[in-house]
Amino acid sequence: MLSDIKHKVENLKGKKIKVFVDVGRNKSEIYEGVVLNTYKNVWTLKTATDVKSFGYCDILINSVVISS
């Protein structure tokens, strides 16, 4: 299951995506950017201002949602 998520994120490398992040207490953040790199446990997103990193398990538990 986690390996499927990792493979899907690897296929998005270099593509522009939108990421919805649930930060708790009914708050969320939205980031737009390009998937920069994929590593063993995390992947990075380059936005206009900085670089954010997310774990594959965050996608698994739906605290991070990716849309194209």
PDB file of N, CA and C in Angstrom:
ATOM      1  N   MET A   1       0.827  -1.188   0.000  1.00  0.00           N
ATOM      2  CA  MET A   1       0.000   0.000   0.000  1.00  0.00           C
ATOM      3  C   MET A   1       0.874   1.256   0.000  1.00  0.00           C
ATOM      4  N   LEU A   2       1.807   1.324   0.910  1.00  0.00           N
ATOM      5  CA  LEU A   2       2.696   2.481   0.980  1.00  0.00           C
ATOM      6  C   LEU A   2       3.605   2.556  -0.247  1.00  0.00           C
ATOM      7  N   SER A   3       4.008   1.402  -0.759  1.00  0.00           N
ATOM      8  CA  SER A   3       4.854   1.383  -1.959  1.00  0.00           C
ATOM      9  C   SER A   3       4.085   1.881  -3.179  1.00  0.00           C
ATOM     10  N   ASP A   4       2.771   1.632  -3.240  1.00  0.00           N
ATOM     11  CA  ASP A   4       1.945   2.161  -4.333  1.00  0.00           C
ATOM     12  C   ASP A   4       1.893   3.678  -4.290  1.00  0.00           C
ATOM     13  N   ILE A   5       1.748   4.230  -3.095  1.00  0.00           N
ATOM     14  CA  ILE A   5       1.714   5.682  -2.928  1.00  0.00           C
ATOM     15  C   ILE A   5       3.053   6.284  -3.341  1.00  0.00           C
ATOM     16  N   LYS A   6       4.138   5.654  -2.921  1.00  0.00           N
ATOM     17  CA  LYS A   6       5.474   6.147  -3.263  1.00  0.00           C
ATOM     18  C   LYS A   6       5.671   6.140  -4.774  1.00  0.00           C
ATOM     19  N   HIS A   7       5.224   5.090  -5.433  1.00  0.00           N
ATOM     20  CA  HIS A   7       5.360   4.986  -6.884  1.00  0.00           C
ATOM     21  C   HIS A   7       4.539   6.080  -7.591  1.00  0.00           C
ATOM     22  N   LYS A   8       3.336   6.362  -7.099  1.00  0.00           N
ATOM     23  CA  LYS A   8       2.501   7.408  -7.698  1.00  0.00           C
ATOM     24  C   LYS A   8       3.122   8.786  -7.530  1.00  0.00           C
ATOM     25  N   VAL A   9       3.715   9.046  -6.370  1.00  0.00           N
ATOM     26  CA  VAL A   9       4.378  10.334  -6.145  1.00  0.00           C
ATOM     27  C   VAL A   9       5.617  10.444  -7.031  1.00  0.00           C
ATOM     28  N   GLU A  10       6.346   9.346  -7.200  1.00  0.00           N
ATOM     29  CA  GLU A  10       7.518   9.357  -8.085  1.00  0.00           C
ATOM     30  C   GLU A  10       7.116   9.691  -9.517  1.00  0.00           C
ATOM     31  N   ASN A  11       5.951   9.241  -9.950  1.00  0.00           N
ATOM     32  CA  ASN A  11       5.466   9.547 -11.296  1.00  0.00           C
ATOM     33  C   ASN A  11       5.086  11.018 -11.449  1.00  0.00           C
ATOM     34  N   LEU A  12       4.823  11.701 -10.344  1.00  0.00           N
ATOM     35  CA  LEU A  12       4.486  13.128 -10.380  1.00  0.00           C
ATOM     36  C   LEU A  12       5.719  14.024 -10.320  1.00  0.00           C
ATOM     37  N   LYS A  13       6.889  13.457 -10.204  1.00  0.00           N
ATOM     38  CA  LYS A  13       8.124  14.228 -10.072  1.00  0.00           C
ATOM     39  C   LYS A  13       8.291  15.164 -11.273  1.00  0.00           C
ATOM     40  N   GLY A  14       8.475  16.446 -10.985  1.00  0.00           N
ATOM     41  CA  GLY A  14       8.641  17.446 -12.034  1.00  0.00           C
ATOM     42  C   GLY A  14       7.338  18.045 -12.529  1.00  0.00           C
ATOM     43  N   LYS A  15       6.209  17.559 -12.038  1.00  0.00           N
ATOM     44  CA  LYS A  15       4.902  18.050 -12.472  1.00  0.00           C
ATOM     45  C   LYS A  15       4.315  18.996 -11.434  1.00  0.00           C
ATOM     46  N   LYS A  16       3.515  19.939 -11.905  1.00  0.00           N
ATOM     47  CA  LYS A  16       2.876  20.901 -11.017  1.00  0.00           C
ATOM     48  C   LYS A  16       1.626  20.272 -10.410  1.00  0.00           C
ATOM     49  N   ILE A  17       1.514  20.359  -9.082  1.00  0.00           N
ATOM     50  CA  ILE A  17       0.370  19.783  -8.382  1.00  0.00           C
ATOM     51  C   ILE A  17      -0.128  20.759  -7.316  1.00  0.00           C
ATOM     52  N   LYS A  18      -1.279  20.441  -6.768  1.00  0.00           N
ATOM     53  CA  LYS A  18      -1.849  21.176  -5.652  1.00  0.00           C
ATOM     54  C   LYS A  18      -1.973  20.203  -4.490  1.00  0.00           C
ATOM     55  N   VAL A  19      -1.555  20.634  -3.299  1.00  0.00           N
ATOM     56  CA  VAL A  19      -1.548  19.774  -2.119  1.00  0.00           C
ATOM     57  C   VAL A  19      -2.413  20.409  -1.034  1.00  0.00           C
ATOM     58  N   PHE A  20      -3.379  19.641  -0.537  1.00  0.00           N
ATOM     59  CA  PHE A  20      -4.227  20.068   0.569  1.00  0.00           C
ATOM     60  C   PHE A  20      -3.734  19.366   1.828  1.00  0.00           C
ATOM     61  N   VAL A  21      -3.386  20.142   2.854  1.00  0.00           N
ATOM     62  CA  VAL A  21      -2.815  19.590   4.076  1.00  0.00           C
ATOM     63  C   VAL A  21      -3.745  19.892   5.244  1.00  0.00           C
ATOM     64  N   ASP A  22      -4.152  18.848   5.956  1.00  0.00           N
ATOM     65  CA  ASP A  22      -4.953  19.000   7.169  1.00  0.00           C
ATOM     66  C   ASP A  22      -3.993  19.196   8.334  1.00  0.00           C
ATOM     67  N   VAL A  23      -4.023  20.393   8.932  1.00  0.00           N
ATOM     68  CA  VAL A  23      -3.100  20.684  10.032  1.00  0.00           C
ATOM     69  C   VAL A  23      -3.764  20.558  11.396  1.00  0.00           C
ATOM     70  N   GLY A  24      -4.988  20.080  11.439  1.00  0.00           N
ATOM     71  CA  GLY A  24      -5.669  19.837  12.703  1.00  0.00           C
ATOM     72  C   GLY A  24      -6.568  20.968  13.132  1.00  0.00           C
ATOM     73  N   ARG A  25      -7.475  20.646  14.054  1.00  0.00           N
ATOM     74  CA  ARG A  25      -8.429  21.611  14.607  1.00  0.00           C
ATOM     75  C   ARG A  25      -9.187  22.369  13.522  1.00  0.00           C
ATOM     76  N   ASN A  26      -9.679  21.621  12.528  1.00  0.00           N
ATOM     77  CA  ASN A  26     -10.461  22.159  11.418  1.00  0.00           C
ATOM     78  C   ASN A  26      -9.710  23.221  10.617  1.00  0.00           C
ATOM     79  N   LYS A  27      -8.401  23.103  10.547  1.00  0.00           N
ATOM     80  CA  LYS A  27      -7.579  24.019   9.767  1.00  0.00           C
ATOM     81  C   LYS A  27      -6.892  23.241   8.659  1.00  0.00           C
ATOM     82  N   SER A  28      -6.742  23.898   7.520  1.00  0.00           N
ATOM     83  CA  SER A  28      -6.037  23.269   6.415  1.00  0.00           C
ATOM     84  C   SER A  28      -5.234  24.321   5.664  1.00  0.00           C
ATOM     85  N   GLU A  29      -4.239  23.859   4.945  1.00  0.00           N
ATOM     86  CA  GLU A  29      -3.391  24.710   4.131  1.00  0.00           C
ATOM     87  C   GLU A  29      -3.342  24.130   2.729  1.00  0.00           C
ATOM     88  N   ILE A  30      -3.195  25.003   1.742  1.00  0.00           N
ATOM     89  CA  ILE A  30      -3.115  24.584   0.347  1.00  0.00           C
ATOM     90  C   ILE A  30      -1.796  25.088  -0.221  1.00  0.00           C
ATOM     91  N   TYR A  31      -1.064  24.198  -0.872  1.00  0.00           N
ATOM     92  CA  TYR A  31       0.197  24.558  -1.514  1.00  0.00           C
ATOM     93  C   TYR A  31       0.128  24.169  -2.981  1.00  0.00           C
ATOM     94  N   GLU A  32       0.674  25.032  -3.836  1.00  0.00           N
ATOM     95  CA  GLU A  32       0.831  24.716  -5.253  1.00  0.00           C
ATOM     96  C   GLU A  32       2.311  24.717  -5.557  1.00  0.00           C
ATOM     97  N   GLY A  33       2.745  23.717  -6.291  1.00  0.00           N
ATOM     98  CA  GLY A  33       4.161  23.658  -6.621  1.00  0.00           C
ATOM     99  C   GLY A  33       4.498  22.438  -7.453  1.00  0.00           C
ATOM    100  N   VAL A  34       5.777  22.164  -7.529  1.00  0.00           N
ATOM    101  CA  VAL A  34       6.315  21.069  -8.332  1.00  0.00           C
ATOM    102  C   VAL A  34       6.965  20.059  -7.403  1.00  0.00           C
ATOM    103  N   VAL A  35       6.706  18.781  -7.653  1.00  0.00           N
ATOM    104  CA  VAL A  35       7.349  17.724  -6.871  1.00  0.00           C
ATOM    105  C   VAL A  35       8.836  17.754  -7.204  1.00  0.00           C
ATOM    106  N   LEU A  36       9.649  18.053  -6.200  1.00  0.00           N
ATOM    107  CA  LEU A  36      11.079  18.263  -6.410  1.00  0.00           C
ATOM    108  C   LEU A  36      11.843  16.945  -6.368  1.00  0.00           C
ATOM    109  N   ASN A  37      11.714  16.208  -5.279  1.00  0.00           N
ATOM    110  CA  ASN A  37      12.442  14.949  -5.094  1.00  0.00           C
ATOM    111  C   ASN A  37      11.605  13.967  -4.300  1.00  0.00           C
ATOM    112  N   THR A  38      11.931  12.693  -4.486  1.00  0.00           N
ATOM    113  CA  THR A  38      11.334  11.649  -3.666  1.00  0.00           C
ATOM    114  C   THR A  38      12.469  10.901  -2.975  1.00  0.00           C
ATOM    115  N   TYR A  39      12.287  10.659  -1.696  1.00  0.00           N
ATOM    116  CA  TYR A  39      13.280   9.958  -0.897  1.00  0.00           C
ATOM    117  C   TYR A  39      12.633   8.710  -0.296  1.00  0.00           C
ATOM    118  N   LYS A  40      13.359   8.017   0.548  1.00  0.00           N
ATOM    119  CA  LYS A  40      12.877   6.764   1.127  1.00  0.00           C
ATOM    120  C   LYS A  40      11.585   6.956   1.919  1.00  0.00           C
ATOM    121  N   ASN A  41      11.522   7.972   2.775  1.00  0.00           N
ATOM    122  CA  ASN A  41      10.357   8.157   3.644  1.00  0.00           C
ATOM    123  C   ASN A  41       9.592   9.447   3.399  1.00  0.00           C
ATOM    124  N   VAL A  42      10.170  10.391   2.674  1.00  0.00           N
ATOM    125  CA  VAL A  42       9.524  11.685   2.442  1.00  0.00           C
ATOM    126  C   VAL A  42       9.659  12.099   0.978  1.00  0.00           C
ATOM    127  N   TRP A  43       8.854  13.090   0.603  1.00  0.00           N
ATOM    128  CA  TRP A  43       8.984  13.719  -0.709  1.00  0.00           C
ATOM    129  C   TRP A  43       8.879  15.225  -0.521  1.00  0.00           C
ATOM    130  N   THR A  44       9.466  15.980  -1.455  1.00  0.00           N
ATOM    131  CA  THR A  44       9.525  17.419  -1.304  1.00  0.00           C
ATOM    132  C   THR A  44       8.742  18.109  -2.410  1.00  0.00           C
ATOM    133  N   LEU A  45       8.165  19.246  -2.048  1.00  0.00           N
ATOM    134  CA  LEU A  45       7.377  20.069  -2.968  1.00  0.00           C
ATOM    135  C   LEU A  45       7.984  21.460  -2.983  1.00  0.00           C
ATOM    136  N   LYS A  46       8.351  21.938  -4.168  1.00  0.00           N
ATOM    137  CA  LYS A  46       8.911  23.285  -4.294  1.00  0.00           C
ATOM    138  C   LYS A  46       7.780  24.240  -4.638  1.00  0.00           C
ATOM    139  N   THR A  47       7.490  25.154  -3.715  1.00  0.00           N
ATOM    140  CA  THR A  47       6.477  26.181  -3.938  1.00  0.00           C
ATOM    141  C   THR A  47       7.178  27.448  -4.436  1.00  0.00           C
ATOM    142  N   ALA A  48       6.401  28.512  -4.622  1.00  0.00           N
ATOM    143  CA  ALA A  48       6.972  29.770  -5.107  1.00  0.00           C
ATOM    144  C   ALA A  48       7.939  30.373  -4.092  1.00  0.00           C
ATOM    145  N   THR A  49       7.721  30.107  -2.810  1.00  0.00           N
ATOM    146  CA  THR A  49       8.537  30.758  -1.786  1.00  0.00           C
ATOM    147  C   THR A  49       9.505  29.836  -1.055  1.00  0.00           C
ATOM    148  N   ASP A  50       9.187  28.536  -0.932  1.00  0.00           N
ATOM    149  CA  ASP A  50      10.064  27.639  -0.187  1.00  0.00           C
ATOM    150  C   ASP A  50       9.855  26.190  -0.602  1.00  0.00           C
ATOM    151  N   VAL A  51      10.476  25.287   0.154  1.00  0.00           N
ATOM    152  CA  VAL A  51      10.365  23.850  -0.113  1.00  0.00           C
ATOM    153  C   VAL A  51       9.698  23.195   1.095  1.00  0.00           C
ATOM    154  N   LYS A  52       8.654  22.424   0.851  1.00  0.00           N
ATOM    155  CA  LYS A  52       7.929  21.708   1.896  1.00  0.00           C
ATOM    156  C   LYS A  52       8.204  20.214   1.737  1.00  0.00           C
ATOM    157  N   SER A  53       8.201  19.493   2.846  1.00  0.00           N
ATOM    158  CA  SER A  53       8.378  18.044   2.769  1.00  0.00           C
ATOM    159  C   SER A  53       7.203  17.348   3.446  1.00  0.00           C
ATOM    160  N   PHE A  54       6.834  16.211   2.882  1.00  0.00           N
ATOM    161  CA  PHE A  54       5.707  15.427   3.366  1.00  0.00           C
ATOM    162  C   PHE A  54       6.098  13.962   3.378  1.00  0.00           C
ATOM    163  N   GLY A  55       5.476  13.207   4.264  1.00  0.00           N
ATOM    164  CA  GLY A  55       5.703  11.774   4.322  1.00  0.00           C
ATOM    165  C   GLY A  55       4.663  11.027   3.502  1.00  0.00           C
ATOM    166  N   TYR A  56       5.029   9.860   3.027  1.00  0.00           N
ATOM    167  CA  TYR A  56       4.083   9.040   2.269  1.00  0.00           C
ATOM    168  C   TYR A  56       2.941   8.570   3.161  1.00  0.00           C
ATOM    169  N   CYS A  57       3.221   8.363   4.439  1.00  0.00           N
ATOM    170  CA  CYS A  57       2.189   7.918   5.370  1.00  0.00           C
ATOM    171  C   CYS A  57       1.118   8.995   5.566  1.00  0.00           C
ATOM    172  N   ASP A  58       1.468  10.285   5.362  1.00  0.00           N
ATOM    173  CA  ASP A  58       0.477  11.362   5.455  1.00  0.00           C
ATOM    174  C   ASP A  58      -0.602  11.209   4.389  1.00  0.00           C
ATOM    175  N   ILE A  59      -0.209  10.735   3.212  1.00  0.00           N
ATOM    176  CA  ILE A  59      -1.174  10.485   2.143  1.00  0.00           C
ATOM    177  C   ILE A  59      -2.044   9.291   2.512  1.00  0.00           C
ATOM    178  N   LEU A  60      -1.430   8.281   3.109  1.00  0.00           N
ATOM    179  CA  LEU A  60      -2.145   7.070   3.500  1.00  0.00           C
ATOM    180  C   LEU A  60      -3.250   7.362   4.507  1.00  0.00           C
ATOM    181  N   ILE A  61      -2.990   8.255   5.460  1.00  0.00           N
ATOM    182  CA  ILE A  61      -3.988   8.559   6.489  1.00  0.00           C
ATOM    183  C   ILE A  61      -4.849   9.778   6.135  1.00  0.00           C
ATOM    184  N   ASN A  62      -4.724  10.245   4.904  1.00  0.00           N
ATOM    185  CA  ASN A  62      -5.535  11.359   4.362  1.00  0.00           C
ATOM    186  C   ASN A  62      -5.306  12.694   5.057  1.00  0.00           C
ATOM    187  N   SER A  63      -4.145  12.924   5.634  1.00  0.00           N
ATOM    188  CA  SER A  63      -3.875  14.262   6.141  1.00  0.00           C
ATOM    189  C   SER A  63      -3.237  15.125   5.043  1.00  0.00           C
ATOM    190  N   VAL A  64      -2.795  14.475   3.958  1.00  0.00           N
ATOM    191  CA  VAL A  64      -2.314  15.172   2.760  1.00  0.00           C
ATOM    192  C   VAL A  64      -3.040  14.588   1.558  1.00  0.00           C
ATOM    193  N   VAL A  65      -3.626  15.481   0.759  1.00  0.00           N
ATOM    194  CA  VAL A  65      -4.345  15.064  -0.452  1.00  0.00           C
ATOM    195  C   VAL A  65      -3.737  15.783  -1.634  1.00  0.00           C
ATOM    196  N   ILE A  66      -3.402  15.037  -2.688  1.00  0.00           N
ATOM    197  CA  ILE A  66      -2.793  15.593  -3.890  1.00  0.00           C
ATOM    198  C   ILE A  66      -3.831  15.678  -4.997  1.00  0.00           C
ATOM    199  N   SER A  67      -3.852  16.818  -5.694  1.00  0.00           N
ATOM    200  CA  SER A  67      -4.680  16.940  -6.884  1.00  0.00           C
ATOM    201  C   SER A  67      -3.847  17.591  -7.981  1.00  0.00           C
ATOM    202  N   SER A  68      -4.172  17.266  -9.206  1.00  0.00           N
ATOM    203  CA  SER A  68      -3.381  17.775 -10.339  1.00  0.00           C
ATOM    204  C   SER A  68      -3.827  19.129 -10.791  1.00  0.00           C
TER     205      SER A  68
END
